[in-house]
Amino acid sequence: MGLFETVLKFYNHRSDTIFHDNSVDLEIDSPKVKKLRSWIDTNKTEWKNSIVSYAQPTISLIGNNLSILIFKDFVVIGFTDKNDKPRQITKQTDSKDFEFLIE
């Protein structure tokens, strides 16, 4: 996860909250973020670089140098690499892998 992140803003875009800030702060050492780290650690292969901009995801987690966008059948991670360059990678997956974030 982003080296300098202390909090990730969690957004659940499944509900109709267009006019309301539905964000929740998730501390970087929270159980949900630990599960997310575990998912990333066990899914290190089959990532592809992407330069595409993506529409509104189902779930998003946003930090200063990290964004995780979760869609129905793929996830996009945007981050600043160790050379201070923005990068974005994507992987096919099922959004059900991330149900723990909305429980």
C-alpha atoms as a PDB file:
ATOM      1  CA  MET A   1       0.000   0.000   0.000  1.00  0.00           C
ATOM      2  CA  GLY A   2       1.074   3.543  -0.447  1.00  0.00           C
ATOM      3  CA  LEU A   3       4.151   4.119   1.658  1.00  0.00           C
ATOM      4  CA  PHE A   4       2.896   7.422   3.060  1.00  0.00           C
ATOM      5  CA  GLU A   5      -0.775   6.509   3.455  1.00  0.00           C
ATOM      6  CA  THR A   6      -2.294   6.692   6.918  1.00  0.00           C
ATOM      7  CA  VAL A   7      -5.973   6.725   5.918  1.00  0.00           C
ATOM      8  CA  LEU A   8      -7.903   5.543   2.873  1.00  0.00           C
ATOM      9  CA  LYS A   9     -11.241   7.132   2.023  1.00  0.00           C
ATOM     10  CA  PHE A  10     -13.731   4.334   1.392  1.00  0.00           C
ATOM     11  CA  TYR A  11     -16.682   4.991  -0.933  1.00  0.00           C
ATOM     12  CA  ASN A  12     -19.528   2.559  -1.565  1.00  0.00           C
ATOM     13  CA  HIS A  13     -21.038   3.691  -4.860  1.00  0.00           C
ATOM     14  CA  ARG A  14     -23.800   1.067  -4.763  1.00  0.00           C
ATOM     15  CA  SER A  15     -26.228   3.391  -3.037  1.00  0.00           C
ATOM     16  CA  ASP A  16     -27.733   6.581  -4.414  1.00  0.00           C
ATOM     17  CA  THR A  17     -25.511   9.073  -2.624  1.00  0.00           C
ATOM     18  CA  ILE A  18     -24.724  11.438  -5.477  1.00  0.00           C
ATOM     19  CA  PHE A  19     -25.415  14.517  -3.371  1.00  0.00           C
ATOM     20  CA  HIS A  20     -23.933  13.257  -0.116  1.00  0.00           C
ATOM     21  CA  ASP A  21     -20.398  12.512   0.945  1.00  0.00           C
ATOM     22  CA  ASN A  22     -20.621   8.819   1.693  1.00  0.00           C
ATOM     23  CA  SER A  23     -16.943   8.394   2.505  1.00  0.00           C
ATOM     24  CA  VAL A  24     -15.666   6.565   5.531  1.00  0.00           C
ATOM     25  CA  ASP A  25     -12.081   6.849   6.744  1.00  0.00           C
ATOM     26  CA  LEU A  26     -10.305   3.506   6.998  1.00  0.00           C
ATOM     27  CA  GLU A  27      -7.134   3.631   9.058  1.00  0.00           C
ATOM     28  CA  ILE A  28      -4.251   1.902   7.285  1.00  0.00           C
ATOM     29  CA  ASP A  29      -3.969  -0.648  10.131  1.00  0.00           C
ATOM     30  CA  SER A  30      -7.720  -1.414  10.276  1.00  0.00           C
ATOM     31  CA  PRO A  31      -8.932  -5.020   9.835  1.00  0.00           C
ATOM     32  CA  LYS A  32     -10.519  -4.186   6.458  1.00  0.00           C
ATOM     33  CA  VAL A  33      -7.317  -2.670   5.078  1.00  0.00           C
ATOM     34  CA  LYS A  34      -5.358  -5.658   6.427  1.00  0.00           C
ATOM     35  CA  LYS A  35      -7.702  -7.991   4.492  1.00  0.00           C
ATOM     36  CA  LEU A  36      -7.243  -5.823   1.410  1.00  0.00           C
ATOM     37  CA  ARG A  37      -3.452  -6.046   1.788  1.00  0.00           C
ATOM     38  CA  SER A  38      -3.779  -9.813   2.114  1.00  0.00           C
ATOM     39  CA  TRP A  39      -5.840  -9.963  -1.090  1.00  0.00           C
ATOM     40  CA  ILE A  40      -3.191  -7.933  -2.930  1.00  0.00           C
ATOM     41  CA  ASP A  41      -0.399 -10.149  -1.522  1.00  0.00           C
ATOM     42  CA  THR A  42      -2.119 -13.311  -2.763  1.00  0.00           C
ATOM     43  CA  ASN A  43      -2.945 -11.786  -6.170  1.00  0.00           C
ATOM     44  CA  LYS A  44       0.455 -10.633  -7.412  1.00  0.00           C
ATOM     45  CA  THR A  45       0.205 -12.099 -10.909  1.00  0.00           C
ATOM     46  CA  GLU A  46      -1.796 -11.322 -14.048  1.00  0.00           C
ATOM     47  CA  TRP A  47      -1.784  -7.549 -13.552  1.00  0.00           C
ATOM     48  CA  LYS A  48      -1.692  -5.411 -16.687  1.00  0.00           C
ATOM     49  CA  ASN A  49      -0.579  -1.819 -17.099  1.00  0.00           C
ATOM     50  CA  SER A  50      -3.387   0.520 -18.063  1.00  0.00           C
ATOM     51  CA  ILE A  51      -3.559   4.116 -19.267  1.00  0.00           C
ATOM     52  CA  VAL A  52      -7.343   4.137 -19.566  1.00  0.00           C
ATOM     53  CA  SER A  53      -9.567   6.335 -17.418  1.00  0.00           C
ATOM     54  CA  TYR A  54     -12.371   4.410 -15.735  1.00  0.00           C
ATOM     55  CA  ALA A  55     -15.965   5.422 -14.978  1.00  0.00           C
ATOM     56  CA  GLN A  56     -17.443   5.218 -11.509  1.00  0.00           C
ATOM     57  CA  PRO A  57     -16.614   1.944  -9.778  1.00  0.00           C
ATOM     58  CA  THR A  58     -18.781  -0.001  -7.374  1.00  0.00           C
ATOM     59  CA  ILE A  59     -16.342   0.604  -4.526  1.00  0.00           C
ATOM     60  CA  SER A  60     -13.335   2.887  -4.291  1.00  0.00           C
ATOM     61  CA  LEU A  61     -10.587   3.506  -1.763  1.00  0.00           C
ATOM     62  CA  ILE A  62      -8.658   6.721  -2.216  1.00  0.00           C
ATOM     63  CA  GLY A  63      -5.455   7.859  -0.523  1.00  0.00           C
ATOM     64  CA  ASN A  64      -2.868  10.511  -1.266  1.00  0.00           C
ATOM     65  CA  ASN A  65      -0.765   8.309  -3.558  1.00  0.00           C
ATOM     66  CA  LEU A  66      -3.052   5.310  -3.969  1.00  0.00           C
ATOM     67  CA  SER A  67      -6.447   4.587  -5.468  1.00  0.00           C
ATOM     68  CA  ILE A  68      -8.222   1.248  -5.643  1.00  0.00           C
ATOM     69  CA  LEU A  69     -11.270   1.098  -7.899  1.00  0.00           C
ATOM     70  CA  ILE A  70     -13.381  -2.041  -7.679  1.00  0.00           C
ATOM     71  CA  PHE A  71     -15.744  -2.906 -10.516  1.00  0.00           C
ATOM     72  CA  LYS A  72     -17.972  -5.953 -11.077  1.00  0.00           C
ATOM     73  CA  ASP A  73     -15.292  -8.066 -12.740  1.00  0.00           C
ATOM     74  CA  PHE A  74     -12.005  -6.201 -12.391  1.00  0.00           C
ATOM     75  CA  VAL A  75      -9.997  -3.967 -10.082  1.00  0.00           C
ATOM     76  CA  VAL A  76      -7.794  -0.974 -10.902  1.00  0.00           C
ATOM     77  CA  ILE A  77      -4.965   0.195  -8.661  1.00  0.00           C
ATOM     78  CA  GLY A  78      -3.408   3.588  -9.241  1.00  0.00           C
ATOM     79  CA  PHE A  79      -0.275   4.556  -7.344  1.00  0.00           C
ATOM     80  CA  THR A  80       2.909   6.588  -7.421  1.00  0.00           C
ATOM     81  CA  ASP A  81       5.912   4.298  -7.923  1.00  0.00           C
ATOM     82  CA  LYS A  82       9.296   4.560  -6.199  1.00  0.00           C
ATOM     83  CA  ASN A  83      10.493   6.856  -9.019  1.00  0.00           C
ATOM     84  CA  ASP A  84       7.599   9.230  -8.214  1.00  0.00           C
ATOM     85  CA  LYS A  85       5.798   8.380 -11.473  1.00  0.00           C
ATOM     86  CA  PRO A  86       2.052   7.690 -11.561  1.00  0.00           C
ATOM     87  CA  ARG A  87       1.139   4.133 -12.542  1.00  0.00           C
ATOM     88  CA  GLN A  88      -2.083   2.242 -12.986  1.00  0.00           C
ATOM     89  CA  ILE A  89      -2.578  -1.510 -13.151  1.00  0.00           C
ATOM     90  CA  THR A  90      -5.676  -3.643 -13.605  1.00  0.00           C
ATOM     91  CA  LYS A  91      -6.634  -7.252 -12.961  1.00  0.00           C
ATOM     92  CA  GLN A  92      -9.684  -9.360 -13.771  1.00  0.00           C
ATOM     93  CA  THR A  93     -11.430 -10.442 -10.572  1.00  0.00           C
ATOM     94  CA  ASP A  94     -14.869 -10.785  -9.035  1.00  0.00           C
ATOM     95  CA  SER A  95     -16.165  -7.905  -6.920  1.00  0.00           C
ATOM     96  CA  LYS A  96     -17.357 -10.532  -4.423  1.00  0.00           C
ATOM     97  CA  ASP A  97     -13.684 -10.810  -3.394  1.00  0.00           C
ATOM     98  CA  PHE A  98     -14.169  -7.422  -1.746  1.00  0.00           C
ATOM     99  CA  GLU A  99     -17.476  -7.949   0.068  1.00  0.00           C
ATOM    100  CA  PHE A 100     -15.589  -7.705   3.383  1.00  0.00           C
ATOM    101  CA  LEU A 101     -15.208  -3.971   2.726  1.00  0.00           C
ATOM    102  CA  ILE A 102     -18.967  -3.339   2.936  1.00  0.00           C
ATOM    103  CA  GLU A 103     -19.788  -5.671   5.807  1.00  0.00           C
END
